């Protein structure tokens, strides 16, 4: 599949360096990837991904920017960090997936992904986390389905009522303790992202 898409190649060096530069924090170790496949074998969303993380990293190295940013793979990352824990080279896989999502949004490629509604889902999730420190499943699912899959919302109603009856889902969001500390962490992360964007833009 990778070979068939070679027509959309960019400069491998430039795209690889761009991804590394836009990933906040310490160096993401992307150049150390062994292509062992441990990440894909660890991922709970692996079966739904167009490309495994290993394949996506090979595509990045090959300069296949457009294909990478159109892939649904980053959008199916659930940020469990299990791949990072198991990676023998300590590649910052989850952080790289966040970088690819931001790049896909910035360049408009997510519209052509099979997960085209994923950015809106992601933004809703982040909104709840930033305001309450945790996800709010009822609000997240309701907003997402009513906007993108209204018929799906009706199908999920019975399941939702069952969760509510069993006390497995809250009717209203609850804020975590020390939310100000979390907001400070998120603010620092955004500042790091802004610095990375500035470095990419150059003088």
N, C-alpha and C. Protein backbone atom coordinates (compact mmCIF):
# COMPACT_ATOMS: atom_id res chain seq x y z
N UNK A 1 0.83 -1.21 0.00
CA UNK A 1 0.00 0.00 0.00
C UNK A 1 0.86 1.26 0.00
N UNK A 2 1.94 1.22 0.78
CA UNK A 2 2.81 2.38 0.84
C UNK A 2 3.43 2.67 -0.52
N UNK A 3 3.86 1.59 -1.21
CA UNK A 3 4.47 1.78 -2.51
C UNK A 3 3.49 2.37 -3.51
N UNK A 4 2.21 1.98 -3.42
CA UNK A 4 1.22 2.46 -4.37
C UNK A 4 0.95 3.94 -4.22
N UNK A 5 1.28 4.51 -3.07
CA UNK A 5 0.97 5.91 -2.81
C UNK A 5 2.20 6.81 -2.96
N UNK A 6 3.22 6.32 -3.58
CA UNK A 6 4.48 7.06 -3.64
C UNK A 6 4.38 8.33 -4.46
N UNK A 7 3.30 8.48 -5.25
CA UNK A 7 3.17 9.66 -6.09
C UNK A 7 3.00 10.93 -5.28
N UNK A 8 2.55 10.80 -4.04
CA UNK A 8 2.29 12.00 -3.24
C UNK A 8 3.44 12.32 -2.30
N UNK A 9 4.63 11.86 -2.61
CA UNK A 9 5.78 12.09 -1.74
C UNK A 9 6.23 13.55 -1.73
N UNK A 10 6.64 14.00 -0.56
CA UNK A 10 7.29 15.30 -0.42
C UNK A 10 8.75 15.02 -0.13
N UNK A 11 9.48 16.02 0.30
CA UNK A 11 10.87 15.80 0.70
C UNK A 11 10.89 15.03 2.02
N UNK A 12 11.45 13.80 2.05
CA UNK A 12 11.45 13.03 3.29
C UNK A 12 12.10 13.79 4.44
N UNK A 13 13.23 14.42 4.16
CA UNK A 13 13.98 15.11 5.21
C UNK A 13 13.13 16.23 5.81
N UNK A 14 12.49 17.03 4.96
CA UNK A 14 11.73 18.17 5.44
C UNK A 14 10.51 17.75 6.25
N UNK A 15 9.76 16.76 5.78
CA UNK A 15 8.56 16.33 6.49
C UNK A 15 8.91 15.68 7.82
N UNK A 16 9.91 14.83 7.82
CA UNK A 16 10.36 14.17 9.05
C UNK A 16 10.77 15.22 10.08
N UNK A 17 11.58 16.19 9.66
CA UNK A 17 12.05 17.23 10.57
C UNK A 17 10.88 18.09 11.06
N UNK A 18 9.89 18.30 10.20
CA UNK A 18 8.73 19.10 10.57
C UNK A 18 7.95 18.42 11.70
N UNK A 19 7.73 17.12 11.55
CA UNK A 19 7.00 16.37 12.58
C UNK A 19 7.77 16.41 13.90
N UNK A 20 9.07 16.21 13.84
CA UNK A 20 9.88 16.22 15.05
C UNK A 20 9.85 17.60 15.72
N UNK A 21 9.98 18.64 14.91
CA UNK A 21 10.02 20.01 15.46
C UNK A 21 8.70 20.42 16.09
N UNK A 22 7.59 19.89 15.57
CA UNK A 22 6.27 20.28 16.06
C UNK A 22 5.80 19.45 17.24
N UNK A 23 6.58 18.44 17.62
CA UNK A 23 6.20 17.60 18.77
C UNK A 23 6.79 18.22 20.03
N UNK A 24 5.93 18.70 20.95
CA UNK A 24 6.42 19.40 22.14
C UNK A 24 7.24 18.52 23.07
N UNK A 25 7.98 19.15 23.94
CA UNK A 25 8.74 18.44 24.95
C UNK A 25 10.08 17.96 24.44
N UNK A 26 10.58 16.92 25.08
CA UNK A 26 11.88 16.36 24.71
C UNK A 26 11.81 15.74 23.32
N UNK A 27 12.95 15.46 22.74
CA UNK A 27 12.97 14.88 21.40
C UNK A 27 12.14 13.60 21.36
N UNK A 28 11.30 13.45 20.32
CA UNK A 28 10.36 12.32 20.29
C UNK A 28 10.98 10.99 19.91
N UNK A 29 12.28 10.97 19.58
CA UNK A 29 13.00 9.72 19.25
C UNK A 29 12.45 9.02 18.01
N UNK A 30 11.80 9.75 17.14
CA UNK A 30 11.21 9.13 15.96
C UNK A 30 12.25 8.44 15.08
N UNK A 31 13.45 9.00 15.06
CA UNK A 31 14.51 8.43 14.23
C UNK A 31 15.00 7.09 14.77
N UNK A 32 14.61 6.74 15.99
CA UNK A 32 15.06 5.48 16.59
C UNK A 32 14.11 4.32 16.34
N UNK A 33 13.00 4.57 15.65
CA UNK A 33 12.00 3.52 15.40
C UNK A 33 12.64 2.34 14.68
N UNK A 34 12.44 1.14 15.24
CA UNK A 34 13.02 -0.09 14.69
C UNK A 34 12.07 -0.81 13.73
N UNK A 35 10.86 -0.28 13.58
CA UNK A 35 9.83 -0.95 12.77
C UNK A 35 9.52 -2.34 13.32
N UNK A 36 9.51 -2.48 14.64
CA UNK A 36 9.28 -3.80 15.25
C UNK A 36 7.80 -4.15 15.33
N UNK A 37 6.94 -3.13 15.30
CA UNK A 37 5.50 -3.37 15.33
C UNK A 37 4.91 -3.52 16.71
N UNK A 38 5.70 -3.31 17.75
CA UNK A 38 5.18 -3.42 19.11
C UNK A 38 4.05 -2.43 19.36
N UNK A 39 4.16 -1.25 18.80
CA UNK A 39 3.14 -0.21 19.00
C UNK A 39 1.79 -0.66 18.46
N UNK A 40 1.78 -1.15 17.22
CA UNK A 40 0.53 -1.59 16.62
C UNK A 40 -0.07 -2.78 17.34
N UNK A 41 0.81 -3.69 17.79
CA UNK A 41 0.33 -4.86 18.52
C UNK A 41 -0.22 -4.52 19.89
N UNK A 42 0.13 -3.33 20.42
CA UNK A 42 -0.32 -2.91 21.74
C UNK A 42 -1.57 -2.04 21.68
N UNK A 43 -1.91 -1.55 20.49
CA UNK A 43 -2.96 -0.53 20.36
C UNK A 43 -4.36 -1.12 20.38
N UNK A 44 -5.23 -0.65 21.29
CA UNK A 44 -6.61 -1.16 21.33
C UNK A 44 -7.43 -0.73 20.12
N UNK A 45 -6.98 0.31 19.41
CA UNK A 45 -7.71 0.79 18.23
C UNK A 45 -7.08 0.31 16.93
N UNK A 46 -6.05 -0.52 17.03
CA UNK A 46 -5.32 -0.96 15.86
C UNK A 46 -6.18 -1.47 14.71
N UNK A 47 -7.20 -2.32 14.96
CA UNK A 47 -8.00 -2.86 13.87
C UNK A 47 -8.75 -1.80 13.05
N UNK A 48 -8.99 -0.63 13.64
CA UNK A 48 -9.73 0.43 12.94
C UNK A 48 -8.81 1.39 12.19
N UNK A 49 -7.50 1.23 12.35
CA UNK A 49 -6.56 2.16 11.72
C UNK A 49 -6.24 1.75 10.29
N UNK A 50 -6.15 2.76 9.41
CA UNK A 50 -5.74 2.50 8.02
C UNK A 50 -4.29 2.04 7.96
N UNK A 51 -3.46 2.60 8.82
CA UNK A 51 -2.05 2.22 8.88
C UNK A 51 -1.68 2.01 10.34
N UNK A 52 -0.84 1.04 10.63
CA UNK A 52 -0.33 0.91 11.98
C UNK A 52 0.61 2.08 12.26
N UNK A 53 0.88 2.40 13.52
CA UNK A 53 1.86 3.46 13.79
C UNK A 53 3.20 3.18 13.11
N UNK A 54 3.61 1.91 13.10
CA UNK A 54 4.87 1.55 12.43
C UNK A 54 4.84 1.94 10.96
N UNK A 55 3.75 1.64 10.26
CA UNK A 55 3.63 2.01 8.85
C UNK A 55 3.62 3.53 8.69
N UNK A 56 2.93 4.20 9.61
CA UNK A 56 2.84 5.66 9.51
C UNK A 56 4.22 6.30 9.67
N UNK A 57 5.04 5.76 10.57
CA UNK A 57 6.37 6.30 10.77
C UNK A 57 7.25 6.06 9.55
N UNK A 58 7.07 4.91 8.89
CA UNK A 58 7.81 4.65 7.65
C UNK A 58 7.38 5.62 6.56
N UNK A 59 6.10 5.96 6.53
CA UNK A 59 5.59 6.91 5.54
C UNK A 59 6.13 8.32 5.82
N UNK A 60 6.26 8.66 7.10
CA UNK A 60 6.84 9.96 7.46
C UNK A 60 8.28 10.03 6.97
N UNK A 61 9.03 8.96 7.22
CA UNK A 61 10.43 8.92 6.78
C UNK A 61 10.54 8.98 5.26
N UNK A 62 9.52 8.48 4.56
CA UNK A 62 9.52 8.50 3.10
C UNK A 62 9.00 9.81 2.53
N UNK A 63 8.56 10.73 3.40
CA UNK A 63 8.08 12.02 2.93
C UNK A 63 6.67 12.01 2.39
N UNK A 64 5.87 11.03 2.77
CA UNK A 64 4.51 10.91 2.25
C UNK A 64 3.55 11.76 3.08
N UNK A 65 3.78 13.05 3.07
CA UNK A 65 3.07 13.97 3.94
C UNK A 65 1.56 13.94 3.74
N UNK A 66 1.11 14.04 2.52
CA UNK A 66 -0.32 14.11 2.25
C UNK A 66 -1.02 12.83 2.69
N UNK A 67 -0.42 11.68 2.38
CA UNK A 67 -1.02 10.41 2.77
C UNK A 67 -1.06 10.25 4.28
N UNK A 68 -0.01 10.70 4.95
CA UNK A 68 0.03 10.60 6.41
C UNK A 68 -1.06 11.47 7.03
N UNK A 69 -1.21 12.69 6.55
CA UNK A 69 -2.17 13.61 7.14
C UNK A 69 -3.61 13.29 6.77
N UNK A 70 -3.80 12.46 5.75
CA UNK A 70 -5.15 12.01 5.40
C UNK A 70 -5.52 10.72 6.12
N UNK A 71 -4.54 10.06 6.70
CA UNK A 71 -4.79 8.78 7.36
C UNK A 71 -5.67 8.96 8.59
N UNK A 72 -6.49 7.96 8.87
CA UNK A 72 -7.33 8.04 10.07
C UNK A 72 -6.58 7.59 11.32
N UNK A 73 -5.37 7.10 11.16
CA UNK A 73 -4.62 6.51 12.28
C UNK A 73 -4.49 7.44 13.49
N UNK A 74 -4.03 8.68 13.33
CA UNK A 74 -3.90 9.53 14.53
C UNK A 74 -5.22 9.76 15.24
N UNK A 75 -6.32 9.79 14.48
CA UNK A 75 -7.62 10.09 15.08
C UNK A 75 -8.16 8.92 15.88
N UNK A 76 -7.67 7.72 15.61
CA UNK A 76 -8.11 6.56 16.38
C UNK A 76 -7.22 6.29 17.59
N UNK A 77 -6.19 7.10 17.78
CA UNK A 77 -5.36 7.00 18.97
C UNK A 77 -6.19 7.44 20.18
N UNK A 78 -6.28 6.60 21.20
CA UNK A 78 -7.09 6.90 22.38
C UNK A 78 -6.24 7.45 23.53
N UNK A 79 -4.97 7.74 23.25
CA UNK A 79 -4.08 8.36 24.23
C UNK A 79 -3.93 7.53 25.51
N UNK A 80 -3.90 6.21 25.35
CA UNK A 80 -3.70 5.35 26.53
C UNK A 80 -2.22 5.21 26.89
N UNK A 81 -1.34 5.59 25.95
CA UNK A 81 0.12 5.57 26.15
C UNK A 81 0.69 4.16 26.31
N UNK A 82 -0.11 3.13 26.06
CA UNK A 82 0.40 1.77 26.20
C UNK A 82 1.52 1.50 25.20
N UNK A 83 1.39 2.05 24.00
CA UNK A 83 2.43 1.86 22.98
C UNK A 83 3.75 2.48 23.43
N UNK A 84 3.68 3.65 24.07
CA UNK A 84 4.89 4.31 24.53
C UNK A 84 5.56 3.53 25.66
N UNK A 85 4.75 2.96 26.54
CA UNK A 85 5.28 2.17 27.65
C UNK A 85 6.02 0.95 27.12
N UNK A 86 5.52 0.34 26.05
CA UNK A 86 6.08 -0.90 25.53
C UNK A 86 7.17 -0.69 24.47
N UNK A 87 7.28 0.51 23.92
CA UNK A 87 8.23 0.76 22.84
C UNK A 87 9.66 0.56 23.33
N UNK A 88 10.44 -0.33 22.70
CA UNK A 88 11.81 -0.58 23.16
C UNK A 88 12.75 0.60 22.93
N UNK A 89 12.36 1.52 22.05
CA UNK A 89 13.20 2.67 21.75
C UNK A 89 12.69 3.96 22.38
N UNK A 90 11.62 3.85 23.16
CA UNK A 90 11.03 5.01 23.84
C UNK A 90 10.64 6.12 22.86
N UNK A 91 10.10 5.70 21.71
CA UNK A 91 9.56 6.68 20.76
C UNK A 91 8.30 7.27 21.36
N UNK A 92 8.14 8.58 21.27
CA UNK A 92 6.98 9.26 21.87
C UNK A 92 5.79 9.17 20.91
N UNK A 93 5.28 7.97 20.77
CA UNK A 93 4.28 7.67 19.75
C UNK A 93 3.01 8.49 19.93
N UNK A 94 2.46 8.52 21.13
CA UNK A 94 1.22 9.25 21.37
C UNK A 94 1.40 10.74 21.10
N UNK A 95 2.52 11.29 21.52
CA UNK A 95 2.78 12.71 21.29
C UNK A 95 2.88 13.01 19.79
N UNK A 96 3.47 12.10 19.05
CA UNK A 96 3.57 12.28 17.60
C UNK A 96 2.19 12.24 16.96
N UNK A 97 1.31 11.38 17.47
CA UNK A 97 -0.06 11.30 16.94
C UNK A 97 -0.79 12.63 17.15
N UNK A 98 -0.56 13.26 18.30
CA UNK A 98 -1.16 14.58 18.54
C UNK A 98 -0.62 15.60 17.53
N UNK A 99 0.67 15.53 17.27
CA UNK A 99 1.28 16.44 16.29
C UNK A 99 0.64 16.26 14.92
N UNK A 100 0.47 15.02 14.50
CA UNK A 100 -0.12 14.74 13.19
C UNK A 100 -1.56 15.22 13.12
N UNK A 101 -2.29 15.12 14.20
CA UNK A 101 -3.66 15.62 14.23
C UNK A 101 -3.69 17.14 14.04
N UNK A 102 -2.79 17.83 14.75
CA UNK A 102 -2.75 19.28 14.61
C UNK A 102 -2.38 19.69 13.18
N UNK A 103 -1.42 18.97 12.60
CA UNK A 103 -1.01 19.27 11.23
C UNK A 103 -2.14 19.00 10.25
N UNK A 104 -2.89 17.92 10.46
CA UNK A 104 -4.00 17.58 9.57
C UNK A 104 -5.09 18.63 9.63
N UNK A 105 -5.36 19.15 10.83
CA UNK A 105 -6.36 20.21 10.97
C UNK A 105 -5.87 21.49 10.29
N UNK A 106 -4.62 21.82 10.55
CA UNK A 106 -4.05 23.06 10.00
C UNK A 106 -4.08 23.07 8.47
N UNK A 107 -3.82 21.92 7.87
CA UNK A 107 -3.73 21.85 6.41
C UNK A 107 -5.02 21.33 5.76
N UNK A 108 -6.04 21.08 6.56
CA UNK A 108 -7.34 20.71 6.02
C UNK A 108 -7.46 19.29 5.51
N UNK A 109 -6.47 18.44 5.77
CA UNK A 109 -6.50 17.09 5.22
C UNK A 109 -7.46 16.16 5.97
N UNK A 110 -7.83 16.53 7.19
CA UNK A 110 -8.69 15.64 7.94
C UNK A 110 -10.07 15.50 7.29
N UNK A 111 -10.46 16.47 6.44
CA UNK A 111 -11.74 16.38 5.74
C UNK A 111 -11.77 15.17 4.81
N UNK A 112 -10.60 14.76 4.34
CA UNK A 112 -10.52 13.65 3.39
C UNK A 112 -10.25 12.32 4.08
N UNK A 113 -10.18 12.33 5.39
CA UNK A 113 -9.93 11.11 6.15
C UNK A 113 -11.23 10.35 6.36
N UNK A 114 -11.14 9.05 6.55
CA UNK A 114 -12.33 8.26 6.87
C UNK A 114 -12.82 8.56 8.28
N UNK A 115 -12.05 9.36 9.01
CA UNK A 115 -12.45 9.80 10.35
C UNK A 115 -12.61 11.32 10.32
N UNK A 116 -13.31 11.83 9.31
CA UNK A 116 -13.39 13.27 9.09
C UNK A 116 -14.10 14.01 10.22
N UNK A 117 -14.98 13.33 10.98
CA UNK A 117 -15.66 13.98 12.08
C UNK A 117 -14.88 13.86 13.39
N UNK A 118 -13.73 13.17 13.33
CA UNK A 118 -12.94 12.96 14.54
C UNK A 118 -12.41 14.25 15.16
N UNK A 119 -11.98 15.24 14.36
CA UNK A 119 -11.49 16.48 15.00
C UNK A 119 -12.53 17.14 15.89
N UNK A 120 -13.79 17.12 15.46
CA UNK A 120 -14.84 17.72 16.27
C UNK A 120 -15.04 16.93 17.56
N UNK A 121 -14.98 15.61 17.45
CA UNK A 121 -15.07 14.75 18.63
C UNK A 121 -13.92 15.06 19.58
N UNK A 122 -12.72 15.18 19.01
CA UNK A 122 -11.53 15.46 19.81
C UNK A 122 -11.64 16.81 20.52
N UNK A 123 -12.11 17.83 19.80
CA UNK A 123 -12.23 19.16 20.39
C UNK A 123 -13.26 19.17 21.52
N UNK A 124 -14.36 18.42 21.34
CA UNK A 124 -15.37 18.34 22.40
C UNK A 124 -14.79 17.65 23.64
N UNK A 125 -14.04 16.57 23.42
CA UNK A 125 -13.40 15.86 24.53
C UNK A 125 -12.44 16.79 25.27
N UNK A 126 -11.62 17.51 24.52
CA UNK A 126 -10.64 18.42 25.14
C UNK A 126 -11.34 19.52 25.91
N UNK A 127 -12.45 20.00 25.37
CA UNK A 127 -13.21 21.06 26.04
C UNK A 127 -13.67 20.60 27.43
N UNK A 128 -14.17 19.38 27.51
CA UNK A 128 -14.59 18.84 28.81
C UNK A 128 -13.40 18.68 29.75
N UNK A 129 -12.30 18.18 29.24
CA UNK A 129 -11.11 17.96 30.07
C UNK A 129 -10.57 19.29 30.60
N UNK A 130 -10.53 20.30 29.74
CA UNK A 130 -10.00 21.60 30.16
C UNK A 130 -10.89 22.25 31.21
N UNK A 131 -12.20 22.02 31.14
CA UNK A 131 -13.11 22.68 32.06
C UNK A 131 -13.40 21.87 33.32
N UNK A 132 -13.34 20.54 33.21
CA UNK A 132 -13.70 19.70 34.35
C UNK A 132 -12.58 18.76 34.80
N UNK A 133 -11.54 18.62 33.98
CA UNK A 133 -10.45 17.72 34.35
C UNK A 133 -10.69 16.28 33.98
N UNK A 134 -11.80 16.00 33.36
CA UNK A 134 -12.15 14.64 32.96
C UNK A 134 -13.19 14.70 31.85
N UNK A 135 -13.36 13.58 31.19
CA UNK A 135 -14.38 13.51 30.15
C UNK A 135 -15.77 13.40 30.79
N UNK A 136 -16.77 13.81 30.05
CA UNK A 136 -18.17 13.66 30.47
C UNK A 136 -18.86 12.87 29.37
N UNK A 137 -18.98 11.55 29.58
CA UNK A 137 -19.39 10.65 28.52
C UNK A 137 -20.74 11.00 27.92
N UNK A 138 -21.72 11.32 28.76
CA UNK A 138 -23.06 11.62 28.26
C UNK A 138 -23.05 12.85 27.37
N UNK A 139 -22.38 13.90 27.83
CA UNK A 139 -22.31 15.13 27.04
C UNK A 139 -21.52 14.94 25.76
N UNK A 140 -20.42 14.18 25.85
CA UNK A 140 -19.57 13.93 24.69
C UNK A 140 -20.32 13.14 23.63
N UNK A 141 -20.95 12.05 24.03
CA UNK A 141 -21.68 11.21 23.08
C UNK A 141 -22.89 11.93 22.50
N UNK A 142 -23.61 12.66 23.35
CA UNK A 142 -24.81 13.36 22.88
C UNK A 142 -24.46 14.42 21.86
N UNK A 143 -23.48 15.26 22.17
CA UNK A 143 -23.09 16.33 21.25
C UNK A 143 -22.58 15.77 19.92
N UNK A 144 -21.77 14.72 20.03
CA UNK A 144 -21.19 14.13 18.82
C UNK A 144 -22.27 13.51 17.93
N UNK A 145 -23.13 12.68 18.51
CA UNK A 145 -24.13 11.98 17.70
C UNK A 145 -25.19 12.93 17.15
N UNK A 146 -25.62 13.91 17.93
CA UNK A 146 -26.63 14.83 17.43
C UNK A 146 -26.10 15.66 16.26
N UNK A 147 -24.81 15.96 16.29
CA UNK A 147 -24.23 16.78 15.22
C UNK A 147 -23.88 15.96 13.99
N UNK A 148 -23.36 14.76 14.18
CA UNK A 148 -22.83 13.99 13.05
C UNK A 148 -23.66 12.75 12.70
N UNK A 149 -24.28 12.13 13.69
CA UNK A 149 -25.03 10.90 13.43
C UNK A 149 -26.32 10.90 14.26
N UNK A 150 -27.28 11.77 13.91
CA UNK A 150 -28.50 11.88 14.73
C UNK A 150 -29.27 10.57 14.87
N UNK A 151 -29.27 9.75 13.82
CA UNK A 151 -29.96 8.46 13.93
C UNK A 151 -29.22 7.54 14.89
N UNK A 152 -27.91 7.67 14.90
CA UNK A 152 -27.12 6.88 15.83
C UNK A 152 -27.41 7.23 17.27
N UNK A 153 -27.75 8.50 17.53
CA UNK A 153 -28.08 8.93 18.89
C UNK A 153 -29.30 8.19 19.40
N UNK A 154 -30.29 7.99 18.52
CA UNK A 154 -31.51 7.28 18.92
C UNK A 154 -31.19 5.82 19.23
N UNK A 155 -30.29 5.23 18.44
CA UNK A 155 -29.93 3.83 18.66
C UNK A 155 -29.17 3.65 19.97
N UNK A 156 -28.42 4.70 20.37
CA UNK A 156 -27.63 4.61 21.59
C UNK A 156 -28.43 4.93 22.85
N UNK A 157 -29.66 5.44 22.67
CA UNK A 157 -30.44 5.89 23.82
C UNK A 157 -30.68 4.77 24.83
N UNK A 158 -31.05 3.59 24.35
CA UNK A 158 -31.32 2.47 25.25
C UNK A 158 -30.09 2.06 26.04
N UNK A 159 -28.96 2.06 25.36
CA UNK A 159 -27.70 1.71 26.02
C UNK A 159 -27.37 2.74 27.09
N UNK A 160 -27.59 4.02 26.75
CA UNK A 160 -27.32 5.09 27.70
C UNK A 160 -28.19 5.01 28.94
N UNK A 161 -29.47 4.70 28.74
CA UNK A 161 -30.39 4.57 29.88
C UNK A 161 -29.97 3.42 30.78
N UNK A 162 -29.49 2.34 30.18
CA UNK A 162 -29.03 1.20 30.97
C UNK A 162 -27.85 1.59 31.83
N UNK A 163 -26.90 2.36 31.27
CA UNK A 163 -25.74 2.82 32.04
C UNK A 163 -26.17 3.73 33.19
N UNK A 164 -27.14 4.61 32.91
CA UNK A 164 -27.61 5.51 33.95
C UNK A 164 -28.26 4.74 35.10
N UNK A 165 -29.09 3.75 34.77
CA UNK A 165 -29.77 2.96 35.81
C UNK A 165 -28.78 2.21 36.69
N UNK A 166 -27.66 1.79 36.10
CA UNK A 166 -26.66 1.03 36.85
C UNK A 166 -25.61 1.93 37.51
N UNK A 167 -25.81 3.24 37.38
CA UNK A 167 -24.88 4.18 38.00
C UNK A 167 -23.52 4.22 37.34
N UNK A 168 -23.45 3.83 36.07
CA UNK A 168 -22.18 3.81 35.35
C UNK A 168 -21.96 5.07 34.54
N UNK A 169 -22.92 6.01 34.57
CA UNK A 169 -22.78 7.24 33.81
C UNK A 169 -23.50 8.36 34.55
N UNK A 170 -22.89 9.54 34.59
CA UNK A 170 -23.46 10.68 35.30
C UNK A 170 -24.31 11.53 34.38
N UNK A 171 -25.32 12.17 34.96
CA UNK A 171 -26.18 13.07 34.20
C UNK A 171 -25.53 14.44 34.00
N UNK A 172 -24.66 14.82 34.92
CA UNK A 172 -23.98 16.11 34.84
C UNK A 172 -22.48 15.91 35.04
N UNK A 173 -21.67 16.78 34.44
CA UNK A 173 -20.21 16.65 34.61
C UNK A 173 -19.78 17.03 36.01
N UNK A 174 -18.71 16.41 36.50
CA UNK A 174 -18.15 16.75 37.81
C UNK A 174 -16.71 17.19 37.63
N UNK A 175 -16.34 18.22 38.36
CA UNK A 175 -15.00 18.79 38.24
C UNK A 175 -14.05 18.11 39.23
N UNK A 176 -12.85 17.80 38.78
CA UNK A 176 -11.87 17.15 39.65
C UNK A 176 -11.33 18.16 40.67
N UNK A 177 -10.70 17.63 41.71
CA UNK A 177 -10.04 18.50 42.67
C UNK A 177 -8.78 19.09 42.05
N UNK A 178 -8.41 20.25 42.52
CA UNK A 178 -7.18 20.92 42.06
C UNK A 178 -7.17 21.12 40.54
N UNK A 179 -8.30 21.53 40.00
CA UNK A 179 -8.40 21.75 38.56
C UNK A 179 -7.42 22.82 38.09
N UNK A 180 -7.08 23.76 38.97
CA UNK A 180 -6.14 24.82 38.60
C UNK A 180 -4.75 24.25 38.27
N UNK A 181 -4.37 23.18 38.94
CA UNK A 181 -3.08 22.56 38.65
C UNK A 181 -3.08 21.94 37.25
N UNK A 182 -4.18 21.29 36.91
CA UNK A 182 -4.29 20.71 35.57
C UNK A 182 -4.27 21.81 34.51
N UNK A 183 -4.97 22.89 34.76
CA UNK A 183 -5.00 23.99 33.80
C UNK A 183 -3.61 24.58 33.61
N UNK A 184 -2.82 24.61 34.67
CA UNK A 184 -1.45 25.12 34.56
C UNK A 184 -0.61 24.20 33.68
N UNK A 185 -0.81 22.88 33.83
CA UNK A 185 -0.09 21.91 33.01
C UNK A 185 -0.48 22.06 31.55
N UNK A 186 -1.78 22.19 31.29
CA UNK A 186 -2.26 22.34 29.92
C UNK A 186 -1.77 23.64 29.30
N UNK A 187 -1.70 24.68 30.12
CA UNK A 187 -1.20 25.96 29.63
C UNK A 187 0.26 25.86 29.22
N UNK A 188 1.05 25.14 30.01
CA UNK A 188 2.46 24.93 29.67
C UNK A 188 2.58 24.13 28.38
N UNK A 189 1.74 23.12 28.22
CA UNK A 189 1.77 22.30 27.00
C UNK A 189 1.44 23.15 25.77
N UNK A 190 0.47 24.04 25.90
CA UNK A 190 0.11 24.91 24.78
C UNK A 190 1.25 25.87 24.46
N UNK A 191 1.95 26.34 25.49
CA UNK A 191 3.08 27.23 25.26
C UNK A 191 4.20 26.50 24.51
N UNK A 192 4.44 25.23 24.87
CA UNK A 192 5.44 24.43 24.17
C UNK A 192 5.05 24.23 22.71
N UNK A 193 3.77 24.00 22.48
CA UNK A 193 3.29 23.84 21.11
C UNK A 193 3.48 25.13 20.31
N UNK A 194 3.17 26.25 20.94
CA UNK A 194 3.33 27.54 20.28
C UNK A 194 4.78 27.81 19.93
N UNK A 195 5.69 27.43 20.84
CA UNK A 195 7.12 27.60 20.57
C UNK A 195 7.57 26.74 19.39
N UNK A 196 7.03 25.50 19.33
CA UNK A 196 7.38 24.61 18.23
C UNK A 196 6.87 25.16 16.91
N UNK A 197 5.67 25.74 16.92
CA UNK A 197 5.12 26.33 15.70
C UNK A 197 5.96 27.53 15.26
N UNK A 198 6.42 28.29 16.24
CA UNK A 198 7.24 29.46 15.91
C UNK A 198 8.58 29.03 15.29
N UNK A 199 9.18 27.96 15.83
CA UNK A 199 10.44 27.46 15.27
C UNK A 199 10.25 26.98 13.84
N UNK A 200 9.09 26.39 13.59
CA UNK A 200 8.82 25.90 12.23
C UNK A 200 8.68 27.08 11.26
N UNK A 201 7.99 28.14 11.73
CA UNK A 201 7.77 29.28 10.84
C UNK A 201 9.06 30.01 10.53
N UNK A 202 10.04 29.94 11.43
CA UNK A 202 11.32 30.58 11.19
C UNK A 202 11.27 32.07 11.48
N UNK A 203 12.38 32.77 11.16
CA UNK A 203 12.46 34.22 11.46
C UNK A 203 11.54 35.01 10.56
